[in-house]
Amino acid sequence: MPMNDNTNISLAPRGSRRLSISEYVPEGVRRTGEGPLGFFFRFFTFLKRIRHCAGFGVQSPTDYAFVREVIYERWPYALYAELEAQFYGTDKFLLKLSQLLLRVSNYAQASQIGVIGNLPPVMEAHLKAGCRKSEIMKIPIQPPSLLPRGGETLDSIGVSKNSLPREGRDRYPLLIATELNDQWQEYISQEHIISYDLYYLGIAFYDEKRYTEGHVINFY
């Protein structure tokens, strides 16, 4: 998949200190752990989701292609090496998740990207690298008492599928969740939302021509 090598973004300076997952706080990332225990935790998660590997069960040809060619893409992008050097010492799995966001951003080419949850600097840099024109819209996490109830709408918590522009190569607006909380669940339950639950991250597109559909993906 082609990449634009002329991306110009501001990155964190390279340092010798190891960057830890726990510094960045996102629950979806932090719960993976680090070191040997983190490996076994991810392996256990892999086994729990083994029925959802490689796009198994995804019926839509478009969604299946996204899973196979973007989420599971193994071919290195041109900016991987540069970004990895800039964030030297970053946890390998956090870096892998960040590279996934680069691929998703490059695929969507959205003018704005909504984000639910805390976005670590390394993830934000990769997200911006995928599409230079994208503006990152960080959506504050609301306490459960402020989440919509009954017939209420997402406007009450400041999140709406209509708040994201329908731009980007005539594709879909894009939303990333680093915490798959109630706010994420409420968002993906709205009409015309196509979502991907990767356990560690959530990815959602808006397509007014389609019905709401959710996919569980075994990301490893």
N, C-alpha and C. Protein backbone atom coordinates (compact mmCIF):
# COMPACT_ATOMS: atom_id res chain seq x y z
N MET A 1 0.85 -1.20 0.00
CA MET A 1 0.00 0.00 0.00
C MET A 1 0.89 1.24 0.00
N PRO A 2 0.61 2.19 -0.88
CA PRO A 2 1.49 3.35 -1.00
C PRO A 2 1.42 4.26 0.20
N MET A 3 2.53 4.92 0.48
CA MET A 3 2.59 5.89 1.57
C MET A 3 3.24 7.15 1.06
N ASN A 4 2.86 8.28 1.64
CA ASN A 4 3.45 9.55 1.30
C ASN A 4 4.68 9.76 2.18
N ASP A 5 5.87 9.82 1.56
CA ASP A 5 7.10 9.96 2.32
C ASP A 5 7.38 11.39 2.74
N ASN A 6 6.56 12.33 2.28
CA ASN A 6 6.83 13.74 2.54
C ASN A 6 6.10 14.29 3.75
N THR A 7 5.59 13.37 4.57
CA THR A 7 4.85 13.80 5.75
C THR A 7 5.77 14.59 6.68
N ASN A 8 5.29 15.73 7.12
CA ASN A 8 6.09 16.59 7.99
C ASN A 8 5.35 16.80 9.29
N ILE A 9 5.78 16.10 10.34
CA ILE A 9 5.11 16.21 11.62
C ILE A 9 6.14 16.46 12.70
N SER A 10 5.66 16.97 13.82
CA SER A 10 6.53 17.23 14.95
C SER A 10 6.54 16.02 15.86
N LEU A 11 7.72 15.45 16.09
CA LEU A 11 7.83 14.23 16.87
C LEU A 11 8.62 14.47 18.14
N ALA A 12 8.41 13.57 19.10
CA ALA A 12 9.14 13.68 20.36
C ALA A 12 10.61 13.39 20.13
N PRO A 13 11.50 14.07 20.82
CA PRO A 13 12.93 13.85 20.63
C PRO A 13 13.34 12.46 21.07
N ARG A 14 14.35 11.94 20.42
CA ARG A 14 14.85 10.63 20.77
C ARG A 14 15.57 10.70 22.11
N GLY A 15 15.36 9.69 22.93
CA GLY A 15 16.02 9.66 24.24
C GLY A 15 16.43 8.26 24.58
N SER A 16 17.24 8.11 25.58
CA SER A 16 17.74 6.80 25.96
C SER A 16 16.80 6.10 26.94
N ARG A 17 15.90 6.84 27.60
CA ARG A 17 15.03 6.24 28.60
C ARG A 17 13.92 5.44 27.94
N ARG A 18 13.66 4.25 28.45
CA ARG A 18 12.62 3.40 27.91
C ARG A 18 11.25 4.02 28.17
N LEU A 19 10.43 4.08 27.13
CA LEU A 19 9.08 4.61 27.26
C LEU A 19 8.14 3.47 27.63
N SER A 20 7.46 3.60 28.74
CA SER A 20 6.64 2.52 29.28
C SER A 20 5.17 2.72 28.96
N ILE A 21 4.46 1.62 28.76
CA ILE A 21 3.02 1.67 28.54
C ILE A 21 2.32 2.37 29.70
N SER A 22 2.76 2.08 30.93
CA SER A 22 2.07 2.61 32.10
C SER A 22 2.12 4.13 32.18
N GLU A 23 3.08 4.76 31.47
CA GLU A 23 3.15 6.22 31.48
C GLU A 23 1.99 6.84 30.73
N TYR A 24 1.43 6.12 29.80
CA TYR A 24 0.45 6.69 28.88
C TYR A 24 -0.98 6.48 29.30
N VAL A 25 -1.22 5.60 30.28
CA VAL A 25 -2.50 5.44 30.95
C VAL A 25 -3.63 4.76 30.17
N PRO A 26 -3.73 4.77 28.83
CA PRO A 26 -4.92 4.20 28.20
C PRO A 26 -5.18 2.79 28.72
N GLU A 27 -6.39 2.57 29.23
CA GLU A 27 -6.72 1.29 29.84
C GLU A 27 -6.57 0.14 28.85
N GLY A 28 -7.04 0.35 27.61
CA GLY A 28 -6.96 -0.71 26.62
C GLY A 28 -5.55 -1.14 26.33
N VAL A 29 -4.60 -0.22 26.43
CA VAL A 29 -3.20 -0.55 26.20
C VAL A 29 -2.54 -1.04 27.47
N ARG A 30 -2.81 -0.36 28.59
CA ARG A 30 -2.13 -0.66 29.84
C ARG A 30 -2.41 -2.08 30.31
N ARG A 31 -3.62 -2.57 30.08
CA ARG A 31 -3.96 -3.88 30.59
C ARG A 31 -3.25 -5.01 29.85
N THR A 32 -2.52 -4.69 28.77
CA THR A 32 -1.75 -5.72 28.10
C THR A 32 -0.53 -6.10 28.91
N GLY A 33 -0.05 -5.21 29.78
CA GLY A 33 1.12 -5.50 30.58
C GLY A 33 2.39 -5.41 29.75
N GLU A 34 3.51 -5.66 30.40
CA GLU A 34 4.79 -5.63 29.73
C GLU A 34 5.62 -6.83 30.16
N GLY A 35 6.66 -7.09 29.40
CA GLY A 35 7.56 -8.18 29.74
C GLY A 35 6.90 -9.53 29.59
N PRO A 36 7.45 -10.57 30.24
CA PRO A 36 6.92 -11.93 30.11
C PRO A 36 5.44 -12.05 30.48
N LEU A 37 5.02 -11.36 31.56
CA LEU A 37 3.62 -11.43 31.96
C LEU A 37 2.72 -10.83 30.90
N GLY A 38 3.18 -9.73 30.29
CA GLY A 38 2.41 -9.11 29.22
C GLY A 38 2.26 -10.05 28.04
N PHE A 39 3.32 -10.77 27.73
CA PHE A 39 3.26 -11.73 26.61
C PHE A 39 2.21 -12.80 26.88
N PHE A 40 2.21 -13.36 28.09
CA PHE A 40 1.25 -14.41 28.41
C PHE A 40 -0.17 -13.87 28.43
N PHE A 41 -0.33 -12.62 28.87
CA PHE A 41 -1.66 -12.02 28.87
C PHE A 41 -2.18 -11.89 27.44
N ARG A 42 -1.34 -11.40 26.54
CA ARG A 42 -1.76 -11.25 25.15
C ARG A 42 -2.02 -12.61 24.51
N PHE A 43 -1.24 -13.61 24.89
CA PHE A 43 -1.46 -14.96 24.36
C PHE A 43 -2.81 -15.49 24.83
N PHE A 44 -3.15 -15.24 26.09
CA PHE A 44 -4.44 -15.67 26.62
C PHE A 44 -5.58 -14.96 25.88
N THR A 45 -5.41 -13.66 25.63
CA THR A 45 -6.42 -12.91 24.87
C THR A 45 -6.55 -13.44 23.46
N PHE A 46 -5.42 -13.80 22.86
CA PHE A 46 -5.43 -14.39 21.52
C PHE A 46 -6.26 -15.68 21.51
N LEU A 47 -6.07 -16.53 22.52
CA LEU A 47 -6.81 -17.79 22.58
C LEU A 47 -8.31 -17.54 22.74
N LYS A 48 -8.67 -16.54 23.55
CA LYS A 48 -10.09 -16.23 23.75
C LYS A 48 -10.75 -15.76 22.47
N ARG A 49 -9.97 -15.14 21.59
CA ARG A 49 -10.52 -14.58 20.36
C ARG A 49 -10.09 -15.37 19.12
N ILE A 50 -9.70 -16.59 19.30
CA ILE A 50 -9.13 -17.35 18.20
C ILE A 50 -10.13 -17.54 17.05
N ARG A 51 -11.42 -17.46 17.35
CA ARG A 51 -12.44 -17.60 16.29
C ARG A 51 -12.53 -16.36 15.41
N HIS A 52 -11.84 -15.30 15.79
CA HIS A 52 -11.95 -14.04 15.06
C HIS A 52 -10.63 -13.65 14.38
N CYS A 53 -9.86 -14.64 14.01
CA CYS A 53 -8.58 -14.38 13.34
C CYS A 53 -8.76 -14.15 11.84
N ALA A 54 -7.91 -13.31 11.28
CA ALA A 54 -7.78 -13.14 9.83
C ALA A 54 -9.08 -12.82 9.12
N GLY A 55 -10.00 -12.14 9.82
CA GLY A 55 -11.24 -11.73 9.17
C GLY A 55 -12.31 -12.81 9.15
N PHE A 56 -12.10 -13.90 9.86
CA PHE A 56 -13.09 -14.98 9.89
C PHE A 56 -14.41 -14.45 10.46
N GLY A 57 -15.50 -14.69 9.73
CA GLY A 57 -16.81 -14.26 10.16
C GLY A 57 -17.23 -12.90 9.65
N VAL A 58 -16.31 -12.17 8.99
CA VAL A 58 -16.65 -10.85 8.42
C VAL A 58 -17.25 -11.08 7.04
N GLN A 59 -18.52 -10.75 6.88
CA GLN A 59 -19.25 -11.05 5.65
C GLN A 59 -19.07 -9.99 4.57
N SER A 60 -18.98 -8.73 4.96
CA SER A 60 -18.89 -7.66 3.98
C SER A 60 -17.53 -7.70 3.26
N PRO A 61 -17.52 -7.69 1.92
CA PRO A 61 -16.25 -7.68 1.19
C PRO A 61 -15.39 -6.46 1.52
N THR A 62 -16.04 -5.30 1.71
CA THR A 62 -15.30 -4.08 2.05
C THR A 62 -14.65 -4.20 3.42
N ASP A 63 -15.41 -4.68 4.39
CA ASP A 63 -14.89 -4.83 5.74
C ASP A 63 -13.81 -5.90 5.78
N TYR A 64 -14.00 -6.97 5.04
CA TYR A 64 -13.02 -8.05 5.00
C TYR A 64 -11.70 -7.55 4.42
N ALA A 65 -11.79 -6.74 3.36
CA ALA A 65 -10.59 -6.18 2.75
C ALA A 65 -9.87 -5.26 3.73
N PHE A 66 -10.63 -4.47 4.51
CA PHE A 66 -10.02 -3.59 5.50
C PHE A 66 -9.28 -4.41 6.56
N VAL A 67 -9.90 -5.49 7.01
CA VAL A 67 -9.27 -6.34 8.02
C VAL A 67 -7.98 -6.96 7.49
N ARG A 68 -8.05 -7.50 6.29
CA ARG A 68 -6.90 -8.22 5.74
C ARG A 68 -5.79 -7.29 5.26
N GLU A 69 -6.17 -6.16 4.65
CA GLU A 69 -5.18 -5.31 3.99
C GLU A 69 -4.72 -4.13 4.82
N VAL A 70 -5.44 -3.83 5.91
CA VAL A 70 -5.04 -2.71 6.77
C VAL A 70 -4.69 -3.21 8.18
N ILE A 71 -5.65 -3.85 8.84
CA ILE A 71 -5.40 -4.30 10.21
C ILE A 71 -4.30 -5.35 10.25
N TYR A 72 -4.34 -6.32 9.32
CA TYR A 72 -3.35 -7.40 9.33
C TYR A 72 -2.20 -7.17 8.35
N GLU A 73 -2.07 -5.99 7.83
CA GLU A 73 -0.98 -5.70 6.89
C GLU A 73 0.37 -5.92 7.57
N ARG A 74 1.25 -6.70 6.94
CA ARG A 74 2.56 -7.00 7.50
C ARG A 74 3.69 -6.29 6.76
N TRP A 75 3.39 -5.77 5.58
CA TRP A 75 4.43 -5.11 4.80
C TRP A 75 4.78 -3.76 5.44
N PRO A 76 6.06 -3.47 5.66
CA PRO A 76 6.43 -2.21 6.35
C PRO A 76 6.14 -0.97 5.53
N TYR A 77 5.61 0.04 6.17
CA TYR A 77 5.39 1.33 5.53
C TYR A 77 6.67 2.15 5.58
N ALA A 78 6.77 3.12 4.70
CA ALA A 78 8.00 3.90 4.56
C ALA A 78 8.38 4.67 5.82
N LEU A 79 7.37 5.10 6.59
CA LEU A 79 7.65 5.93 7.76
C LEU A 79 7.88 5.14 9.04
N TYR A 80 7.74 3.84 9.00
CA TYR A 80 7.93 3.04 10.21
C TYR A 80 9.29 3.29 10.86
N ALA A 81 10.34 3.18 10.06
CA ALA A 81 11.70 3.28 10.59
C ALA A 81 11.96 4.66 11.19
N GLU A 82 11.50 5.71 10.51
CA GLU A 82 11.71 7.07 11.00
C GLU A 82 11.00 7.30 12.33
N LEU A 83 9.76 6.85 12.42
CA LEU A 83 9.00 7.03 13.66
C LEU A 83 9.54 6.18 14.80
N GLU A 84 9.97 4.98 14.47
CA GLU A 84 10.54 4.11 15.49
C GLU A 84 11.82 4.71 16.06
N ALA A 85 12.61 5.35 15.20
CA ALA A 85 13.83 6.00 15.66
C ALA A 85 13.51 7.20 16.55
N GLN A 86 12.48 7.94 16.21
CA GLN A 86 12.10 9.12 16.99
C GLN A 86 11.58 8.72 18.37
N PHE A 87 10.91 7.58 18.44
CA PHE A 87 10.37 7.10 19.72
C PHE A 87 11.15 5.87 20.18
N TYR A 88 12.45 6.01 20.14
CA TYR A 88 13.36 4.92 20.50
C TYR A 88 13.08 4.42 21.92
N GLY A 89 13.00 3.10 22.07
CA GLY A 89 12.78 2.50 23.38
C GLY A 89 11.32 2.27 23.73
N THR A 90 10.40 2.65 22.87
CA THR A 90 8.98 2.44 23.14
C THR A 90 8.66 0.94 23.20
N ASP A 91 7.78 0.58 24.10
CA ASP A 91 7.35 -0.81 24.22
C ASP A 91 6.93 -1.35 22.85
N LYS A 92 7.33 -2.56 22.53
CA LYS A 92 7.12 -3.12 21.19
C LYS A 92 5.64 -3.24 20.84
N PHE A 93 4.83 -3.64 21.81
CA PHE A 93 3.41 -3.81 21.49
C PHE A 93 2.72 -2.45 21.32
N LEU A 94 3.12 -1.47 22.12
CA LEU A 94 2.59 -0.12 21.95
C LEU A 94 2.97 0.42 20.58
N LEU A 95 4.20 0.13 20.15
CA LEU A 95 4.64 0.56 18.83
C LEU A 95 3.84 -0.14 17.73
N LYS A 96 3.52 -1.40 17.94
CA LYS A 96 2.73 -2.15 16.97
C LYS A 96 1.32 -1.56 16.83
N LEU A 97 0.72 -1.18 17.96
CA LEU A 97 -0.59 -0.53 17.92
C LEU A 97 -0.50 0.82 17.22
N SER A 98 0.57 1.54 17.45
CA SER A 98 0.76 2.85 16.82
C SER A 98 0.89 2.71 15.31
N GLN A 99 1.62 1.70 14.87
CA GLN A 99 1.76 1.47 13.43
C GLN A 99 0.44 1.09 12.80
N LEU A 100 -0.40 0.40 13.54
CA LEU A 100 -1.75 0.10 13.06
C LEU A 100 -2.52 1.39 12.83
N LEU A 101 -2.41 2.35 13.77
CA LEU A 101 -3.12 3.62 13.60
C LEU A 101 -2.61 4.38 12.39
N LEU A 102 -1.35 4.28 12.09
CA LEU A 102 -0.81 4.92 10.88
C LEU A 102 -1.48 4.34 9.65
N ARG A 103 -1.62 3.03 9.61
CA ARG A 103 -2.24 2.38 8.45
C ARG A 103 -3.72 2.77 8.33
N VAL A 104 -4.41 2.80 9.46
CA VAL A 104 -5.84 3.17 9.45
C VAL A 104 -6.02 4.60 8.98
N SER A 105 -5.19 5.50 9.50
CA SER A 105 -5.27 6.91 9.11
C SER A 105 -4.97 7.08 7.63
N ASN A 106 -3.98 6.37 7.14
CA ASN A 106 -3.63 6.44 5.72
C ASN A 106 -4.75 5.91 4.84
N TYR A 107 -5.45 4.91 5.32
CA TYR A 107 -6.58 4.33 4.59
C TYR A 107 -7.76 5.29 4.54
N ALA A 108 -8.08 5.91 5.67
CA ALA A 108 -9.28 6.74 5.77
C ALA A 108 -9.10 8.11 5.12
N GLN A 109 -7.91 8.71 5.26
CA GLN A 109 -7.66 10.05 4.72
C GLN A 109 -8.73 11.04 5.19
N ALA A 110 -9.05 11.01 6.47
CA ALA A 110 -10.10 11.86 7.03
C ALA A 110 -9.54 13.23 7.40
N SER A 111 -10.31 14.28 7.22
CA SER A 111 -9.86 15.62 7.61
C SER A 111 -9.83 15.77 9.12
N GLN A 112 -10.68 15.01 9.82
CA GLN A 112 -10.71 15.01 11.28
C GLN A 112 -10.84 13.58 11.77
N ILE A 113 -10.17 13.29 12.89
CA ILE A 113 -10.24 11.97 13.50
C ILE A 113 -10.64 12.14 14.96
N GLY A 114 -11.78 11.59 15.33
CA GLY A 114 -12.21 11.65 16.72
C GLY A 114 -11.49 10.60 17.54
N VAL A 115 -11.15 10.94 18.78
CA VAL A 115 -10.44 10.01 19.66
C VAL A 115 -11.14 9.94 21.00
N ILE A 116 -11.53 8.74 21.41
CA ILE A 116 -12.08 8.49 22.74
C ILE A 116 -10.98 7.84 23.58
N GLY A 117 -10.65 8.45 24.71
CA GLY A 117 -9.60 7.92 25.56
C GLY A 117 -8.30 8.70 25.39
N ASN A 118 -7.34 8.37 26.23
CA ASN A 118 -6.05 9.04 26.20
C ASN A 118 -5.20 8.53 25.04
N LEU A 119 -4.60 9.44 24.30
CA LEU A 119 -3.79 9.08 23.13
C LEU A 119 -2.32 9.36 23.42
N PRO A 120 -1.51 8.33 23.60
CA PRO A 120 -0.09 8.53 23.86
C PRO A 120 0.58 9.28 22.72
N PRO A 121 1.65 10.04 22.98
CA PRO A 121 2.35 10.79 21.93
C PRO A 121 2.78 9.93 20.75
N VAL A 122 3.25 8.72 21.03
CA VAL A 122 3.70 7.86 19.94
C VAL A 122 2.53 7.46 19.04
N MET A 123 1.36 7.24 19.62
CA MET A 123 0.18 6.91 18.82
C MET A 123 -0.29 8.12 18.02
N GLU A 124 -0.29 9.28 18.65
CA GLU A 124 -0.73 10.49 17.97
C GLU A 124 0.17 10.80 16.77
N ALA A 125 1.48 10.62 16.95
CA ALA A 125 2.42 10.88 15.86
C ALA A 125 2.17 9.95 14.68
N HIS A 126 1.92 8.69 14.96
CA HIS A 126 1.64 7.74 13.88
C HIS A 126 0.30 8.04 13.21
N LEU A 127 -0.69 8.44 14.01
CA LEU A 127 -2.00 8.77 13.46
C LEU A 127 -1.88 9.95 12.49
N LYS A 128 -1.10 10.97 12.88
CA LYS A 128 -0.90 12.13 12.02
C LYS A 128 -0.06 11.79 10.79
N ALA A 129 0.88 10.88 10.96
CA ALA A 129 1.76 10.52 9.85
C ALA A 129 0.99 9.85 8.72
N GLY A 130 -0.09 9.15 9.07
CA GLY A 130 -0.88 8.47 8.05
C GLY A 130 -1.59 9.41 7.11
N CYS A 131 -1.93 10.62 7.60
CA CYS A 131 -2.62 11.62 6.78
C CYS A 131 -2.29 13.00 7.32
N ARG A 132 -1.52 13.77 6.57
CA ARG A 132 -1.05 15.07 7.06
C ARG A 132 -2.18 16.05 7.32
N LYS A 133 -3.28 15.93 6.60
CA LYS A 133 -4.36 16.91 6.73
C LYS A 133 -5.29 16.62 7.91
N SER A 134 -5.15 15.47 8.53
CA SER A 134 -6.07 15.08 9.60
C SER A 134 -5.89 15.93 10.85
N GLU A 135 -7.00 16.37 11.40
CA GLU A 135 -7.01 17.07 12.68
C GLU A 135 -7.50 16.10 13.75
N ILE A 136 -6.72 15.95 14.81
CA ILE A 136 -7.08 15.02 15.88
C ILE A 136 -8.05 15.71 16.84
N MET A 137 -9.25 15.17 16.98
CA MET A 137 -10.28 15.72 17.84
C MET A 137 -10.41 14.82 19.07
N LYS A 138 -9.82 15.23 20.19
CA LYS A 138 -9.86 14.43 21.40
C LYS A 138 -11.16 14.67 22.15
N ILE A 139 -11.91 13.62 22.35
CA ILE A 139 -13.22 13.70 22.98
C ILE A 139 -13.08 13.35 24.46
N PRO A 140 -13.38 14.28 25.37
CA PRO A 140 -13.23 14.01 26.81
C PRO A 140 -14.06 12.81 27.25
N ILE A 141 -13.49 11.99 28.11
CA ILE A 141 -14.23 10.86 28.67
C ILE A 141 -15.18 11.38 29.74
N GLN A 142 -16.45 11.04 29.61
CA GLN A 142 -17.45 11.50 30.56
C GLN A 142 -17.71 10.44 31.62
N PRO A 143 -18.00 10.84 32.85
CA PRO A 143 -18.36 9.86 33.87
C PRO A 143 -19.66 9.16 33.52
N PRO A 144 -19.89 7.93 34.02
CA PRO A 144 -21.10 7.17 33.67
C PRO A 144 -22.39 7.93 33.91
N SER A 145 -22.43 8.81 34.91
CA SER A 145 -23.65 9.52 35.24
C SER A 145 -24.06 10.49 34.14
N LEU A 146 -23.09 10.85 33.27
CA LEU A 146 -23.39 11.80 32.21
C LEU A 146 -23.64 11.13 30.87
N LEU A 147 -23.54 9.81 30.81
CA LEU A 147 -23.77 9.11 29.56
C LEU A 147 -25.26 9.09 29.24
N PRO A 148 -25.61 9.02 27.95
CA PRO A 148 -27.02 9.04 27.55
C PRO A 148 -27.80 7.89 28.14
N ARG A 149 -29.02 8.15 28.51
CA ARG A 149 -29.92 7.13 29.02
C ARG A 149 -31.21 7.15 28.22
N GLY A 150 -31.79 5.97 28.03
CA GLY A 150 -33.08 5.90 27.36
C GLY A 150 -33.05 6.51 25.98
N GLY A 151 -33.92 7.51 25.76
CA GLY A 151 -34.03 8.13 24.45
C GLY A 151 -33.10 9.30 24.23
N GLU A 152 -32.16 9.52 25.15
CA GLU A 152 -31.24 10.64 24.99
C GLU A 152 -30.30 10.38 23.82
N THR A 153 -29.64 11.45 23.37
CA THR A 153 -28.72 11.34 22.25
C THR A 153 -27.29 11.56 22.72
N LEU A 154 -26.36 11.32 21.81
CA LEU A 154 -24.95 11.52 22.12
C LEU A 154 -24.60 12.99 22.30
N ASP A 155 -25.50 13.90 21.89
CA ASP A 155 -25.21 15.33 22.04
C ASP A 155 -25.00 15.69 23.51
N SER A 156 -25.65 14.97 24.40
CA SER A 156 -25.55 15.28 25.82
C SER A 156 -24.17 14.98 26.39
N ILE A 157 -23.39 14.15 25.68
CA ILE A 157 -22.03 13.87 26.15
C ILE A 157 -20.99 14.44 25.20
N GLY A 158 -21.46 15.20 24.21
CA GLY A 158 -20.51 15.87 23.32
C GLY A 158 -19.95 14.98 22.23
N VAL A 159 -20.58 13.83 21.96
CA VAL A 159 -20.12 12.93 20.91
C VAL A 159 -21.27 12.68 19.95
N SER A 160 -21.06 12.91 18.68
CA SER A 160 -22.08 12.66 17.69
C SER A 160 -21.44 12.25 16.39
N LYS A 161 -22.02 11.25 15.74
CA LYS A 161 -21.47 10.82 14.45
C LYS A 161 -21.52 11.96 13.44
N ASN A 162 -22.47 12.90 13.63
CA ASN A 162 -22.58 14.01 12.70
C ASN A 162 -21.55 15.10 12.97
N SER A 163 -20.83 15.01 14.09
CA SER A 163 -19.82 16.01 14.40
C SER A 163 -18.53 15.77 13.63
N LEU A 164 -18.43 14.61 13.00
CA LEU A 164 -17.25 14.30 12.20
C LEU A 164 -17.60 14.46 10.72
N PRO A 165 -16.77 15.16 9.95
CA PRO A 165 -17.09 15.46 8.56
C PRO A 165 -17.10 14.23 7.68
N ARG A 166 -17.97 14.24 6.68
CA ARG A 166 -18.04 13.14 5.73
C ARG A 166 -17.07 13.41 4.59
N GLU A 167 -15.81 13.37 4.91
CA GLU A 167 -14.79 13.68 3.92
C GLU A 167 -13.76 12.58 3.91
N GLY A 168 -12.71 12.76 3.10
CA GLY A 168 -11.62 11.82 3.06
C GLY A 168 -11.80 10.83 1.93
N ARG A 169 -11.49 11.24 0.73
CA ARG A 169 -11.55 10.37 -0.43
C ARG A 169 -12.95 9.79 -0.58
N ASP A 170 -13.97 10.58 -0.22
CA ASP A 170 -15.36 10.15 -0.27
C ASP A 170 -15.58 8.86 0.50
N ARG A 171 -14.83 8.67 1.57
CA ARG A 171 -14.99 7.47 2.38
C ARG A 171 -15.76 7.81 3.65
N TYR A 172 -15.16 7.51 4.80
CA TYR A 172 -15.92 7.65 6.04
C TYR A 172 -15.20 8.52 7.05
N PRO A 173 -15.93 9.18 7.92
CA PRO A 173 -15.28 9.79 9.06
C PRO A 173 -14.73 8.67 9.94
N LEU A 174 -13.74 8.99 10.71
CA LEU A 174 -13.02 7.98 11.47
C LEU A 174 -13.01 8.31 12.96
N LEU A 175 -13.19 7.30 13.80
CA LEU A 175 -13.08 7.48 15.24
C LEU A 175 -12.23 6.35 15.82
N ILE A 176 -11.30 6.72 16.70
CA ILE A 176 -10.41 5.77 17.37
C ILE A 176 -10.70 5.80 18.86
N ALA A 177 -10.77 4.64 19.48
CA ALA A 177 -10.96 4.57 20.93
C ALA A 177 -9.81 3.77 21.55
N THR A 178 -9.10 4.40 22.48
CA THR A 178 -8.05 3.69 23.20
C THR A 178 -8.60 3.07 24.48
N GLU A 179 -9.84 3.37 24.79
CA GLU A 179 -10.53 2.78 25.93
C GLU A 179 -11.93 2.38 25.48
N LEU A 180 -12.23 1.10 25.50
CA LEU A 180 -13.52 0.62 25.02
C LEU A 180 -14.53 0.67 26.17
N ASN A 181 -14.88 1.90 26.54
CA ASN A 181 -15.76 2.15 27.68
C ASN A 181 -17.21 2.34 27.22
N ASP A 182 -18.05 2.80 28.14
CA ASP A 182 -19.47 3.02 27.81
C ASP A 182 -19.64 4.05 26.71
N GLN A 183 -18.76 5.02 26.67
CA GLN A 183 -18.85 6.06 25.65
C GLN A 183 -18.63 5.47 24.26
N TRP A 184 -17.67 4.57 24.17
CA TRP A 184 -17.42 3.87 22.91
C TRP A 184 -18.61 2.99 22.54
N GLN A 185 -19.13 2.25 23.50
CA GLN A 185 -20.26 1.35 23.23
C GLN A 185 -21.48 2.14 22.76
N GLU A 186 -21.71 3.30 23.36
CA GLU A 186 -22.84 4.12 22.94
C GLU A 186 -22.64 4.65 21.53
N TYR A 187 -21.43 5.04 21.24
CA TYR A 187 -21.15 5.59 19.90
C TYR A 187 -21.39 4.56 18.81
N ILE A 188 -20.87 3.35 19.00
CA ILE A 188 -20.97 2.35 17.93
C ILE A 188 -22.37 1.76 17.81
N SER A 189 -23.25 2.07 18.76
CA SER A 189 -24.63 1.59 18.66
C SER A 189 -25.49 2.50 17.79
N GLN A 190 -24.94 3.66 17.39
CA GLN A 190 -25.70 4.58 16.55
C GLN A 190 -25.82 4.05 15.12
N GLU A 191 -26.72 4.64 14.34
CA GLU A 191 -26.95 4.19 12.98
C GLU A 191 -25.75 4.44 12.07
N HIS A 192 -25.54 3.55 11.15
CA HIS A 192 -24.54 3.68 10.08
C HIS A 192 -23.09 3.65 10.58
N ILE A 193 -22.87 3.07 11.73
CA ILE A 193 -21.51 2.97 12.26
C ILE A 193 -20.96 1.57 12.02
N ILE A 194 -19.79 1.49 11.39
CA ILE A 194 -19.09 0.22 11.16
C ILE A 194 -17.91 0.19 12.11
N SER A 195 -17.92 -0.74 13.06
CA SER A 195 -16.90 -0.73 14.11
C SER A 195 -16.09 -2.01 14.14
N TYR A 196 -14.88 -1.87 14.68
CA TYR A 196 -13.96 -2.98 14.83
C TYR A 196 -13.42 -2.98 16.25
N ASP A 197 -13.73 -4.02 16.99
CA ASP A 197 -13.28 -4.18 18.37
C ASP A 197 -12.02 -5.05 18.37
N LEU A 198 -10.86 -4.42 18.62
CA LEU A 198 -9.60 -5.15 18.64
C LEU A 198 -9.14 -5.47 20.05
N TYR A 199 -10.00 -5.25 21.01
CA TYR A 199 -9.75 -5.44 22.45
C TYR A 199 -8.84 -4.35 23.00
N TYR A 200 -7.72 -4.09 22.35
CA TYR A 200 -6.78 -3.06 22.80
C TYR A 200 -7.15 -1.69 22.24
N LEU A 201 -7.86 -1.69 21.13
CA LEU A 201 -8.28 -0.45 20.45
C LEU A 201 -9.65 -0.66 19.82
N GLY A 202 -10.35 0.45 19.58
CA GLY A 202 -11.58 0.42 18.82
C GLY A 202 -11.45 1.33 17.61
N ILE A 203 -11.96 0.89 16.47
CA ILE A 203 -11.93 1.67 15.23
C ILE A 203 -13.35 1.74 14.69
N ALA A 204 -13.82 2.93 14.34
CA ALA A 204 -15.19 3.07 13.84
C ALA A 204 -15.23 4.03 12.66
N PHE A 205 -15.98 3.65 11.64
CA PHE A 205 -16.24 4.48 10.47
C PHE A 205 -17.73 4.80 10.40
N TYR A 206 -18.05 5.91 9.76
CA TYR A 206 -19.45 6.26 9.53
C TYR A 206 -19.73 6.17 8.04
N ASP A 207 -20.75 5.39 7.67
CA ASP A 207 -21.15 5.23 6.27
C ASP A 207 -22.67 5.30 6.21
N GLU A 208 -23.18 6.41 5.70
CA GLU A 208 -24.63 6.62 5.69
C GLU A 208 -25.37 5.64 4.79
N LYS A 209 -24.65 4.92 3.94
CA LYS A 209 -25.28 3.97 3.03
C LYS A 209 -25.39 2.57 3.62
N ARG A 210 -24.88 2.40 4.83
CA ARG A 210 -24.86 1.06 5.42
C ARG A 210 -25.56 1.02 6.77
N TYR A 211 -25.99 -0.17 7.15
CA TYR A 211 -26.55 -0.38 8.48
C TYR A 211 -25.40 -0.55 9.48
N THR A 212 -25.72 -0.32 10.74
CA THR A 212 -24.72 -0.50 11.80
C THR A 212 -24.25 -1.95 11.84
N GLU A 213 -22.94 -2.10 11.95
CA GLU A 213 -22.36 -3.45 12.01
C GLU A 213 -21.09 -3.40 12.84
N GLY A 214 -20.90 -4.39 13.69
CA GLY A 214 -19.71 -4.46 14.53
C GLY A 214 -18.96 -5.74 14.32
N HIS A 215 -17.63 -5.65 14.33
CA HIS A 215 -16.78 -6.82 14.13
C HIS A 215 -15.82 -6.96 15.31
N VAL A 216 -15.62 -8.19 15.75
CA VAL A 216 -14.61 -8.50 16.74
C VAL A 216 -13.39 -9.05 16.02
N ILE A 217 -12.23 -8.45 16.27
CA ILE A 217 -11.00 -8.82 15.57
C ILE A 217 -9.96 -9.30 16.58
N ASN A 218 -9.31 -10.38 16.25
CA ASN A 218 -8.23 -10.90 17.09
C ASN A 218 -6.91 -10.28 16.62
N PHE A 219 -6.53 -9.19 17.26
CA PHE A 219 -5.29 -8.48 16.89
C PHE A 219 -4.14 -9.00 17.74
N TYR A 220 -3.08 -9.41 17.08
CA TYR A 220 -1.95 -9.99 17.80
C TYR A 220 -0.64 -9.63 17.11
